[in-house]
Structure formats: C-alpha cells, structure tokens
C-alpha cells in the first residue's frame, strides 16, 4: 500500500507546538521533522554517498548517507566552514546525525555538536535549553533548520545527477 507523504506538518495529528516536552509532542515533532526532511530530500531512498546542495546566498549544505537498512536511513546534514587556523580541518556546524524511520515516517536527531559556533543556531539552542530535554532540543533545532534550508531553496533531487552517474549516485561526490 502506498500512502502519500503530507507536504507540510499542519497535517500532523498532534501539533508539537501544543504541549512541548511530552512524549506525544516529541513523536509529533519527529513526524514534522520527517515531513520537512522529505521536502529537502524527496528521493532519500535513491541517495547515496555525499551530496551537496548549493544555492545563492547560503552556505553549501552537505548530506552524507551513513547507513541504510530496510526500514531506516542514517544521514549527516551539515554546513562546512573554513578552519579558523591554518592546517586545521573544516568546521562542521551544526553537524546533525539524523535517523529516518521510513515505515513510521519519523526523523530523529541521533547526535549533534553540543555547542554551535553559528550565532543564530546557538540562540535557538539557548532558548530551548532552559525548559526542555536533550531530545526535544536537538529535534527542535533540526525542525527549525530544515525549515530554514527549504526556505533558502536547498534541495537534493536525484534528477540533478551529472550525466553518466547511476540513480544511486550523488549530485556531487567528495
């Protein structure tokens, strides 16, 4: 049975905005994250390796498929910034590892950098940290960042592959 994925989170059964911090609202937040992630990466099942979305006026957005199984995909979503000092590796921020549960249609942040070096991301983290647990905090940050990325125009379509790459390839392989 094929069921269409809602195009926005207004169709979530329980709004995560109604009772922040409860288990039900956390699951609804995961559902909202899934919907927003699918807006950014509509062909997630066909993606592989490392892919970059580049839009005017924003940093390149990097997506790396870390692990794939029948019902889940684990990926990393991040910006890469030049190192502050010569010889140091590029800075990854916010460097979120996300597990997508395809059968349940949920997306959960598994891990992220504890302290964000980007001022806006840190302000979101600081506002939420006072009253909410770590899972809520990480997933709220993902929810807001996915919304931001889609608004900026980021997109990871499989159809944008360079000629000659198979459908399971990536738009830009590093």
N, C-alpha and C. Protein backbone atom coordinates (compact mmCIF):
# COMPACT_ATOMS: atom_id res chain seq x y z
N UNK A 1 0.84 -1.17 0.00
CA UNK A 1 0.00 0.00 0.00
C UNK A 1 0.88 1.24 0.00
N UNK A 2 0.64 2.16 -0.89
CA UNK A 2 1.39 3.41 -0.97
C UNK A 2 0.53 4.52 -0.38
N UNK A 3 1.11 5.23 0.58
CA UNK A 3 0.42 6.34 1.22
C UNK A 3 1.23 7.60 0.95
N UNK A 4 0.56 8.65 0.48
CA UNK A 4 1.26 9.89 0.17
C UNK A 4 1.78 10.55 1.44
N UNK A 5 2.95 11.16 1.36
CA UNK A 5 3.52 11.90 2.47
C UNK A 5 2.96 13.31 2.45
N UNK A 6 2.44 13.81 3.59
CA UNK A 6 1.94 15.18 3.63
C UNK A 6 3.04 16.16 3.23
N UNK A 7 2.65 17.26 2.60
CA UNK A 7 3.61 18.25 2.13
C UNK A 7 4.03 19.23 3.21
N UNK A 8 3.24 19.35 4.29
CA UNK A 8 3.67 20.18 5.40
C UNK A 8 3.16 19.61 6.71
N UNK A 9 3.70 20.10 7.82
CA UNK A 9 3.39 19.49 9.10
C UNK A 9 2.06 19.91 9.71
N UNK A 10 1.26 20.69 9.01
CA UNK A 10 -0.06 21.04 9.53
C UNK A 10 -0.97 19.82 9.56
N UNK A 11 -0.58 18.75 8.84
CA UNK A 11 -1.37 17.53 8.82
C UNK A 11 -0.97 16.53 9.91
N UNK A 12 0.01 16.89 10.76
CA UNK A 12 0.38 16.02 11.87
C UNK A 12 -0.81 15.93 12.82
N UNK A 13 -1.08 14.73 13.31
CA UNK A 13 -2.26 14.51 14.16
C UNK A 13 -2.25 15.38 15.41
N UNK A 14 -1.11 15.51 16.07
CA UNK A 14 -0.99 16.32 17.27
C UNK A 14 0.13 17.32 17.01
N UNK A 15 -0.16 18.58 17.18
CA UNK A 15 0.87 19.58 16.95
C UNK A 15 1.92 19.52 18.05
N UNK A 16 3.20 19.50 17.68
CA UNK A 16 4.27 19.51 18.66
C UNK A 16 4.29 20.84 19.40
N UNK A 17 3.62 21.83 18.84
CA UNK A 17 3.59 23.15 19.47
C UNK A 17 2.64 23.19 20.68
N UNK A 18 1.70 22.25 20.77
CA UNK A 18 0.66 22.32 21.79
C UNK A 18 1.15 22.04 23.21
N UNK A 19 1.95 20.99 23.41
CA UNK A 19 2.44 20.62 24.74
C UNK A 19 3.91 20.25 24.66
N UNK A 20 4.77 21.22 24.56
CA UNK A 20 6.20 20.92 24.42
C UNK A 20 6.73 20.03 25.53
N UNK A 21 7.57 19.10 25.15
CA UNK A 21 8.24 18.26 26.13
C UNK A 21 7.56 16.94 26.44
N UNK A 22 6.30 16.76 26.07
CA UNK A 22 5.64 15.49 26.35
C UNK A 22 6.05 14.46 25.31
N UNK A 23 5.86 13.18 25.63
CA UNK A 23 6.21 12.11 24.70
C UNK A 23 5.41 12.24 23.40
N UNK A 24 4.12 12.52 23.51
CA UNK A 24 3.27 12.65 22.32
C UNK A 24 3.75 13.80 21.44
N UNK A 25 4.07 14.93 22.04
CA UNK A 25 4.54 16.06 21.23
C UNK A 25 5.92 15.79 20.65
N UNK A 26 6.76 15.02 21.35
CA UNK A 26 8.07 14.66 20.80
C UNK A 26 7.90 13.79 19.55
N UNK A 27 7.00 12.83 19.61
CA UNK A 27 6.73 11.99 18.44
C UNK A 27 6.16 12.82 17.29
N UNK A 28 5.33 13.78 17.61
CA UNK A 28 4.78 14.67 16.59
C UNK A 28 5.88 15.55 15.99
N UNK A 29 6.84 15.97 16.82
CA UNK A 29 7.99 16.72 16.33
C UNK A 29 8.82 15.85 15.38
N UNK A 30 9.01 14.56 15.72
CA UNK A 30 9.71 13.65 14.82
C UNK A 30 8.97 13.53 13.49
N UNK A 31 7.65 13.48 13.53
CA UNK A 31 6.86 13.41 12.31
C UNK A 31 7.03 14.69 11.49
N UNK A 32 6.99 15.83 12.16
CA UNK A 32 7.21 17.10 11.47
C UNK A 32 8.60 17.15 10.84
N UNK A 33 9.62 16.65 11.56
CA UNK A 33 10.98 16.59 11.01
C UNK A 33 11.03 15.73 9.76
N UNK A 34 10.32 14.61 9.78
CA UNK A 34 10.29 13.72 8.62
C UNK A 34 9.69 14.45 7.41
N UNK A 35 8.59 15.14 7.61
CA UNK A 35 7.92 15.85 6.52
C UNK A 35 8.84 16.93 5.96
N UNK A 36 9.49 17.68 6.83
CA UNK A 36 10.40 18.74 6.38
C UNK A 36 11.64 18.17 5.69
N UNK A 37 12.17 17.08 6.22
CA UNK A 37 13.32 16.44 5.59
C UNK A 37 12.96 15.93 4.21
N UNK A 38 11.77 15.36 4.05
CA UNK A 38 11.35 14.85 2.74
C UNK A 38 11.14 16.00 1.75
N UNK A 39 10.82 17.20 2.24
CA UNK A 39 10.75 18.37 1.35
C UNK A 39 12.14 18.71 0.82
N UNK A 40 13.13 18.53 1.68
CA UNK A 40 14.51 18.82 1.31
C UNK A 40 15.12 17.70 0.47
N UNK A 41 14.79 16.46 0.80
CA UNK A 41 15.36 15.28 0.13
C UNK A 41 14.21 14.34 -0.29
N UNK A 42 13.49 14.68 -1.34
CA UNK A 42 12.33 13.87 -1.71
C UNK A 42 12.68 12.46 -2.19
N UNK A 43 13.87 12.24 -2.70
CA UNK A 43 14.28 10.94 -3.22
C UNK A 43 15.30 10.29 -2.29
N UNK A 44 15.09 10.36 -0.98
CA UNK A 44 16.06 9.87 0.00
C UNK A 44 16.46 8.42 -0.24
N UNK A 45 15.51 7.58 -0.63
CA UNK A 45 15.82 6.16 -0.85
C UNK A 45 16.81 5.96 -1.99
N UNK A 46 16.89 6.91 -2.91
CA UNK A 46 17.78 6.80 -4.07
C UNK A 46 19.12 7.49 -3.86
N UNK A 47 19.28 8.18 -2.75
CA UNK A 47 20.51 8.91 -2.50
C UNK A 47 21.57 7.97 -1.94
N UNK A 48 22.82 8.31 -2.19
CA UNK A 48 23.93 7.54 -1.64
C UNK A 48 25.16 8.41 -1.56
N UNK A 49 26.05 8.09 -0.66
CA UNK A 49 27.30 8.83 -0.56
C UNK A 49 27.13 10.23 0.00
N UNK A 50 27.91 11.15 -0.55
CA UNK A 50 27.96 12.53 -0.08
C UNK A 50 27.42 13.42 -1.17
N UNK A 51 26.43 14.24 -0.85
CA UNK A 51 25.78 15.12 -1.81
C UNK A 51 25.78 16.54 -1.27
N UNK A 52 25.88 17.51 -2.17
CA UNK A 52 25.90 18.92 -1.76
C UNK A 52 24.79 19.67 -2.48
N UNK A 53 24.05 20.47 -1.72
CA UNK A 53 23.06 21.39 -2.29
C UNK A 53 23.64 22.79 -2.20
N UNK A 54 23.70 23.48 -3.32
CA UNK A 54 24.26 24.83 -3.37
C UNK A 54 23.19 25.79 -3.87
N UNK A 55 22.95 26.85 -3.11
CA UNK A 55 22.01 27.90 -3.51
C UNK A 55 22.66 29.26 -3.30
N UNK A 56 22.20 30.24 -4.05
CA UNK A 56 22.72 31.59 -3.92
C UNK A 56 22.34 32.16 -2.56
N UNK A 57 23.28 32.79 -1.88
CA UNK A 57 23.01 33.46 -0.62
C UNK A 57 23.08 32.59 0.61
N UNK A 58 23.52 31.33 0.48
CA UNK A 58 23.64 30.46 1.65
C UNK A 58 24.85 29.55 1.47
N UNK A 59 25.31 29.01 2.57
CA UNK A 59 26.43 28.06 2.53
C UNK A 59 26.01 26.77 1.83
N UNK A 60 26.94 26.08 1.21
CA UNK A 60 26.61 24.75 0.66
C UNK A 60 26.17 23.82 1.79
N UNK A 61 25.10 23.08 1.55
CA UNK A 61 24.55 22.16 2.53
C UNK A 61 24.99 20.75 2.16
N UNK A 62 25.64 20.06 3.08
CA UNK A 62 26.20 18.74 2.83
C UNK A 62 25.32 17.66 3.45
N UNK A 63 25.04 16.62 2.67
CA UNK A 63 24.27 15.47 3.14
C UNK A 63 25.09 14.23 2.87
N UNK A 64 25.30 13.43 3.91
CA UNK A 64 26.08 12.20 3.79
C UNK A 64 25.24 11.04 4.30
N UNK A 65 25.01 10.04 3.44
CA UNK A 65 24.31 8.83 3.87
C UNK A 65 25.32 7.97 4.62
N UNK A 66 25.06 7.74 5.89
CA UNK A 66 25.97 6.98 6.75
C UNK A 66 25.65 5.50 6.76
N UNK A 67 24.35 5.19 6.83
CA UNK A 67 23.92 3.80 6.96
C UNK A 67 22.51 3.67 6.41
N UNK A 68 22.25 2.54 5.77
CA UNK A 68 20.92 2.30 5.23
C UNK A 68 20.52 0.87 5.53
N UNK A 69 19.30 0.69 6.00
CA UNK A 69 18.74 -0.64 6.19
C UNK A 69 17.33 -0.63 5.60
N UNK A 70 16.63 -1.74 5.76
CA UNK A 70 15.31 -1.86 5.14
C UNK A 70 14.34 -0.77 5.61
N UNK A 71 14.37 -0.45 6.90
CA UNK A 71 13.39 0.48 7.45
C UNK A 71 13.97 1.81 7.90
N UNK A 72 15.28 1.95 7.90
CA UNK A 72 15.89 3.20 8.37
C UNK A 72 17.01 3.67 7.46
N UNK A 73 17.27 4.95 7.53
CA UNK A 73 18.44 5.56 6.90
C UNK A 73 19.04 6.50 7.93
N UNK A 74 20.35 6.42 8.10
CA UNK A 74 21.04 7.36 8.98
C UNK A 74 21.88 8.26 8.10
N UNK A 75 21.74 9.56 8.31
CA UNK A 75 22.46 10.54 7.48
C UNK A 75 23.01 11.65 8.34
N UNK A 76 23.98 12.35 7.79
CA UNK A 76 24.53 13.54 8.43
C UNK A 76 24.18 14.73 7.55
N UNK A 77 23.72 15.80 8.18
CA UNK A 77 23.39 17.04 7.48
C UNK A 77 24.18 18.15 8.15
N UNK A 78 24.96 18.90 7.36
CA UNK A 78 25.82 19.92 7.96
C UNK A 78 26.24 20.98 6.95
N UNK A 79 26.72 22.08 7.47
CA UNK A 79 27.48 23.06 6.70
C UNK A 79 28.95 22.80 7.00
N UNK A 80 29.82 23.07 6.05
CA UNK A 80 31.27 23.01 6.29
C UNK A 80 31.83 24.41 6.17
N UNK A 81 32.51 24.87 7.22
CA UNK A 81 33.11 26.20 7.23
C UNK A 81 34.62 26.07 7.19
N UNK A 82 35.28 27.04 6.59
CA UNK A 82 36.74 27.04 6.56
C UNK A 82 37.27 27.07 7.99
N UNK A 83 38.39 26.40 8.19
CA UNK A 83 39.01 26.34 9.51
C UNK A 83 39.50 27.72 9.91
N UNK A 84 39.40 28.03 11.20
CA UNK A 84 39.85 29.32 11.71
C UNK A 84 41.37 29.44 11.66
N UNK A 85 42.05 28.30 11.78
CA UNK A 85 43.51 28.31 11.76
C UNK A 85 44.02 27.44 10.62
N UNK A 86 45.14 27.83 10.08
CA UNK A 86 45.79 27.08 9.01
C UNK A 86 46.13 25.67 9.47
N UNK A 87 45.86 24.67 8.63
CA UNK A 87 46.19 23.30 8.95
C UNK A 87 45.13 22.56 9.75
N UNK A 88 44.08 23.25 10.16
CA UNK A 88 43.00 22.62 10.92
C UNK A 88 41.93 22.13 9.93
N UNK A 89 41.18 21.08 10.31
CA UNK A 89 40.12 20.59 9.42
C UNK A 89 38.96 21.59 9.34
N UNK A 90 38.17 21.46 8.29
CA UNK A 90 36.99 22.32 8.14
C UNK A 90 36.06 22.13 9.33
N UNK A 91 35.37 23.19 9.68
CA UNK A 91 34.44 23.17 10.81
C UNK A 91 33.07 22.74 10.34
N UNK A 92 32.50 21.70 10.97
CA UNK A 92 31.16 21.20 10.65
C UNK A 92 30.18 21.79 11.65
N UNK A 93 29.15 22.47 11.15
CA UNK A 93 28.17 23.06 12.04
C UNK A 93 26.86 23.20 11.30
N UNK A 94 25.75 22.71 11.77
CA UNK A 94 25.50 22.12 13.08
C UNK A 94 25.83 20.65 13.18
N UNK A 95 26.20 19.98 12.13
CA UNK A 95 26.68 18.60 12.15
C UNK A 95 25.71 17.65 12.86
N UNK A 96 24.52 17.50 12.27
CA UNK A 96 23.47 16.67 12.84
C UNK A 96 23.48 15.28 12.22
N UNK A 97 23.46 14.26 13.07
CA UNK A 97 23.27 12.89 12.59
C UNK A 97 21.80 12.56 12.81
N UNK A 98 21.11 12.21 11.72
CA UNK A 98 19.66 12.03 11.74
C UNK A 98 19.32 10.61 11.34
N UNK A 99 18.44 9.97 12.10
CA UNK A 99 17.93 8.65 11.73
C UNK A 99 16.51 8.83 11.22
N UNK A 100 16.27 8.33 10.00
CA UNK A 100 14.96 8.38 9.38
C UNK A 100 14.34 7.00 9.47
N UNK A 101 13.14 6.93 10.04
CA UNK A 101 12.38 5.68 10.16
C UNK A 101 11.32 5.71 9.06
N UNK A 102 11.61 5.03 7.94
CA UNK A 102 10.74 5.11 6.77
C UNK A 102 9.35 4.55 7.03
N UNK A 103 9.26 3.41 7.71
CA UNK A 103 7.96 2.79 7.93
C UNK A 103 7.08 3.61 8.87
N UNK A 104 7.66 4.25 9.86
CA UNK A 104 6.90 5.06 10.81
C UNK A 104 6.78 6.52 10.36
N UNK A 105 7.55 6.90 9.36
CA UNK A 105 7.59 8.27 8.86
C UNK A 105 7.99 9.26 9.96
N UNK A 106 9.14 8.96 10.57
CA UNK A 106 9.69 9.80 11.63
C UNK A 106 11.16 10.09 11.32
N UNK A 107 11.65 11.24 11.77
CA UNK A 107 13.07 11.58 11.66
C UNK A 107 13.52 12.15 12.99
N UNK A 108 14.58 11.56 13.55
CA UNK A 108 15.07 11.92 14.88
C UNK A 108 16.55 12.25 14.81
N UNK A 109 16.96 13.30 15.47
CA UNK A 109 18.37 13.63 15.59
C UNK A 109 19.00 12.65 16.58
N UNK A 110 20.01 11.93 16.13
CA UNK A 110 20.73 10.98 16.99
C UNK A 110 21.83 11.69 17.77
N UNK A 111 22.51 12.62 17.11
CA UNK A 111 23.58 13.37 17.78
C UNK A 111 23.81 14.68 17.04
N UNK A 112 24.39 15.61 17.77
CA UNK A 112 24.75 16.89 17.16
C UNK A 112 25.86 17.52 18.00
N UNK A 113 26.51 18.51 17.41
CA UNK A 113 27.54 19.24 18.16
C UNK A 113 26.87 19.90 19.36
N UNK A 114 27.47 19.78 20.52
CA UNK A 114 26.86 20.30 21.75
C UNK A 114 26.79 21.83 21.73
N UNK A 115 27.82 22.48 21.25
CA UNK A 115 27.84 23.93 21.22
C UNK A 115 27.98 24.38 19.78
N UNK A 116 27.09 25.22 19.36
CA UNK A 116 27.09 25.70 17.98
C UNK A 116 27.89 26.99 17.89
N UNK A 117 28.69 27.07 16.84
CA UNK A 117 29.51 28.25 16.64
C UNK A 117 28.78 29.31 15.84
N UNK A 118 27.68 28.95 15.21
CA UNK A 118 26.88 29.91 14.46
C UNK A 118 25.92 30.60 15.43
N UNK A 119 25.93 31.91 15.45
CA UNK A 119 25.18 32.69 16.43
C UNK A 119 23.68 32.37 16.46
N UNK A 120 23.04 32.26 15.29
CA UNK A 120 21.59 32.00 15.25
C UNK A 120 21.28 30.61 15.77
N UNK A 121 22.07 29.60 15.39
CA UNK A 121 21.84 28.24 15.88
C UNK A 121 22.03 28.18 17.39
N UNK A 122 23.02 28.87 17.91
CA UNK A 122 23.25 28.87 19.36
C UNK A 122 22.10 29.55 20.08
N UNK A 123 21.53 30.61 19.50
CA UNK A 123 20.41 31.28 20.17
C UNK A 123 19.19 30.37 20.24
N UNK A 124 18.93 29.58 19.18
CA UNK A 124 17.83 28.62 19.22
C UNK A 124 18.09 27.60 20.32
N UNK A 125 19.32 27.10 20.40
CA UNK A 125 19.68 26.11 21.40
C UNK A 125 19.54 26.70 22.81
N UNK A 126 20.01 27.90 23.01
CA UNK A 126 19.97 28.52 24.33
C UNK A 126 18.54 28.77 24.79
N UNK A 127 17.66 29.20 23.90
CA UNK A 127 16.27 29.46 24.26
C UNK A 127 15.57 28.18 24.71
N UNK A 128 15.83 27.08 24.03
CA UNK A 128 15.15 25.82 24.34
C UNK A 128 15.76 25.12 25.55
N UNK A 129 17.04 25.33 25.82
CA UNK A 129 17.75 24.56 26.82
C UNK A 129 17.20 24.76 28.23
N UNK A 130 16.63 25.89 28.50
CA UNK A 130 16.18 26.16 29.86
C UNK A 130 15.07 25.23 30.32
N UNK A 131 14.17 24.84 29.42
CA UNK A 131 12.97 24.13 29.85
C UNK A 131 12.81 22.72 29.27
N UNK A 132 13.60 22.34 28.31
CA UNK A 132 13.34 21.09 27.60
C UNK A 132 14.54 20.15 27.64
N UNK A 133 14.26 18.86 27.48
CA UNK A 133 15.30 17.83 27.48
C UNK A 133 16.12 17.85 26.20
N UNK A 134 17.19 17.06 26.22
CA UNK A 134 18.12 17.00 25.09
C UNK A 134 17.46 16.56 23.78
N UNK A 135 16.63 15.55 23.83
CA UNK A 135 16.00 15.08 22.58
C UNK A 135 15.11 16.16 22.00
N UNK A 136 14.34 16.79 22.85
CA UNK A 136 13.46 17.86 22.38
C UNK A 136 14.31 18.97 21.76
N UNK A 137 15.36 19.34 22.44
CA UNK A 137 16.24 20.40 21.99
C UNK A 137 16.86 20.10 20.62
N UNK A 138 17.45 18.92 20.48
CA UNK A 138 18.08 18.55 19.21
C UNK A 138 17.07 18.52 18.08
N UNK A 139 15.89 17.99 18.33
CA UNK A 139 14.90 17.83 17.27
C UNK A 139 14.19 19.14 16.95
N UNK A 140 14.04 20.01 17.91
CA UNK A 140 13.50 21.34 17.63
C UNK A 140 14.47 22.11 16.74
N UNK A 141 15.78 21.98 17.06
CA UNK A 141 16.80 22.63 16.24
C UNK A 141 16.74 22.11 14.81
N UNK A 142 16.63 20.78 14.64
CA UNK A 142 16.52 20.20 13.31
C UNK A 142 15.29 20.73 12.60
N UNK A 143 14.16 20.78 13.27
CA UNK A 143 12.91 21.24 12.68
C UNK A 143 13.05 22.65 12.13
N UNK A 144 13.61 23.54 12.93
CA UNK A 144 13.80 24.94 12.51
C UNK A 144 14.82 25.04 11.38
N UNK A 145 15.91 24.25 11.46
CA UNK A 145 16.95 24.33 10.44
C UNK A 145 16.45 23.77 9.11
N UNK A 146 15.69 22.68 9.13
CA UNK A 146 15.13 22.14 7.89
C UNK A 146 14.22 23.16 7.24
N UNK A 147 13.40 23.82 8.03
CA UNK A 147 12.52 24.86 7.51
C UNK A 147 13.34 25.97 6.86
N UNK A 148 14.42 26.39 7.52
CA UNK A 148 15.31 27.42 7.00
C UNK A 148 15.94 26.98 5.68
N UNK A 149 16.46 25.75 5.64
CA UNK A 149 17.12 25.24 4.43
C UNK A 149 16.17 25.20 3.24
N UNK A 150 14.94 24.74 3.47
CA UNK A 150 13.95 24.68 2.39
C UNK A 150 13.58 26.09 1.95
N UNK A 151 13.40 27.02 2.89
CA UNK A 151 13.10 28.42 2.54
C UNK A 151 14.22 29.05 1.74
N UNK A 152 15.46 28.68 2.03
CA UNK A 152 16.61 29.22 1.28
C UNK A 152 16.70 28.63 -0.13
N UNK A 153 15.99 27.52 -0.36
CA UNK A 153 15.99 26.91 -1.69
C UNK A 153 16.81 25.65 -1.80
N UNK A 154 17.36 25.15 -0.70
CA UNK A 154 18.14 23.91 -0.77
C UNK A 154 17.23 22.75 -1.16
N UNK A 155 17.82 21.80 -1.91
CA UNK A 155 17.07 20.66 -2.41
C UNK A 155 18.08 19.61 -2.88
N UNK A 156 17.79 18.36 -2.65
CA UNK A 156 18.67 17.27 -3.07
C UNK A 156 17.92 16.35 -4.02
N UNK A 157 17.62 16.80 -5.24
CA UNK A 157 16.91 15.92 -6.17
C UNK A 157 17.85 14.94 -6.85
N UNK A 158 17.40 13.71 -7.02
CA UNK A 158 18.20 12.71 -7.72
C UNK A 158 18.36 13.11 -9.18
N UNK A 159 17.35 13.77 -9.74
CA UNK A 159 17.39 14.13 -11.15
C UNK A 159 18.49 15.12 -11.48
N UNK A 160 19.13 15.72 -10.45
CA UNK A 160 20.20 16.68 -10.72
C UNK A 160 21.57 16.01 -10.86
N UNK A 161 21.58 14.69 -10.95
CA UNK A 161 22.85 13.97 -11.09
C UNK A 161 23.53 14.32 -12.40
N UNK A 162 24.84 14.44 -12.38
CA UNK A 162 25.57 14.66 -13.61
C UNK A 162 25.36 13.48 -14.56
N UNK A 163 25.39 13.71 -15.87
CA UNK A 163 25.22 12.60 -16.82
C UNK A 163 26.24 11.51 -16.57
N UNK A 164 25.78 10.26 -16.69
CA UNK A 164 26.67 9.13 -16.54
C UNK A 164 26.69 8.49 -15.17
N UNK A 165 26.12 9.17 -14.16
CA UNK A 165 26.06 8.58 -12.82
C UNK A 165 24.78 7.77 -12.68
N UNK A 166 24.84 6.62 -12.02
CA UNK A 166 23.62 5.83 -11.80
C UNK A 166 22.71 6.54 -10.80
N UNK A 167 21.43 6.17 -10.74
CA UNK A 167 20.46 6.79 -9.85
C UNK A 167 20.86 6.67 -8.40
N UNK A 168 21.65 5.68 -8.04
CA UNK A 168 22.06 5.55 -6.65
C UNK A 168 23.30 6.39 -6.34
N UNK A 169 23.79 7.16 -7.30
CA UNK A 169 24.95 8.02 -7.09
C UNK A 169 24.57 9.29 -6.38
N UNK A 170 25.44 10.29 -6.41
CA UNK A 170 25.17 11.55 -5.73
C UNK A 170 25.34 12.69 -6.70
N UNK A 171 24.77 13.82 -6.33
CA UNK A 171 24.84 15.00 -7.18
C UNK A 171 26.28 15.50 -7.28
N UNK A 172 26.99 15.45 -6.19
CA UNK A 172 28.39 15.84 -6.18
C UNK A 172 29.09 14.95 -5.17
N UNK A 173 30.02 14.19 -5.59
CA UNK A 173 30.71 13.26 -4.71
C UNK A 173 32.04 13.85 -4.30
N UNK A 174 32.30 13.83 -3.00
CA UNK A 174 33.58 14.34 -2.49
C UNK A 174 34.49 13.20 -2.19
